[in-house]
Amino acid sequence: MVLPGCKTMMKITENSFACRPGCAACCIAPSISSPIPGMPQGKPAGVRCSQLTAENRCRLFGSGDRPAVCGSLRPSPQMCGESADEALAYLTLLERQTEPVP
């Protein structure tokens, strides 16, 4: 459950959280190796997904075209922090720590 205008992540059950509206950190920070409509080679880390709307909503949410990795990522207090900036910083750090060594 996400309420319009909510500025923070919402606890919806004991162990479940809803995304912060307009955040989109998980659609910007991580790389995605699978094809996405508009990004046939996948998405590089730190690049805004081509499927984000101006309101930072996913055009593919609920669609079979949405990459599996996107559907498997779940919001959490640790990942999302207290703001979109904190979420982006955390996910950027994770991406850097897990990138392949050349």
Foldseek 3Di string as FASTA:
>chain_A
DADPPDFFWADDDPFAIDDGFQLLLVQAAAWACPQAVVRRRTGHGRHHDPQQDPRRDGPCVVHPRDDPVVVVDGDDCCQPPGHSVSNNVSSNVVRVVPDDDD
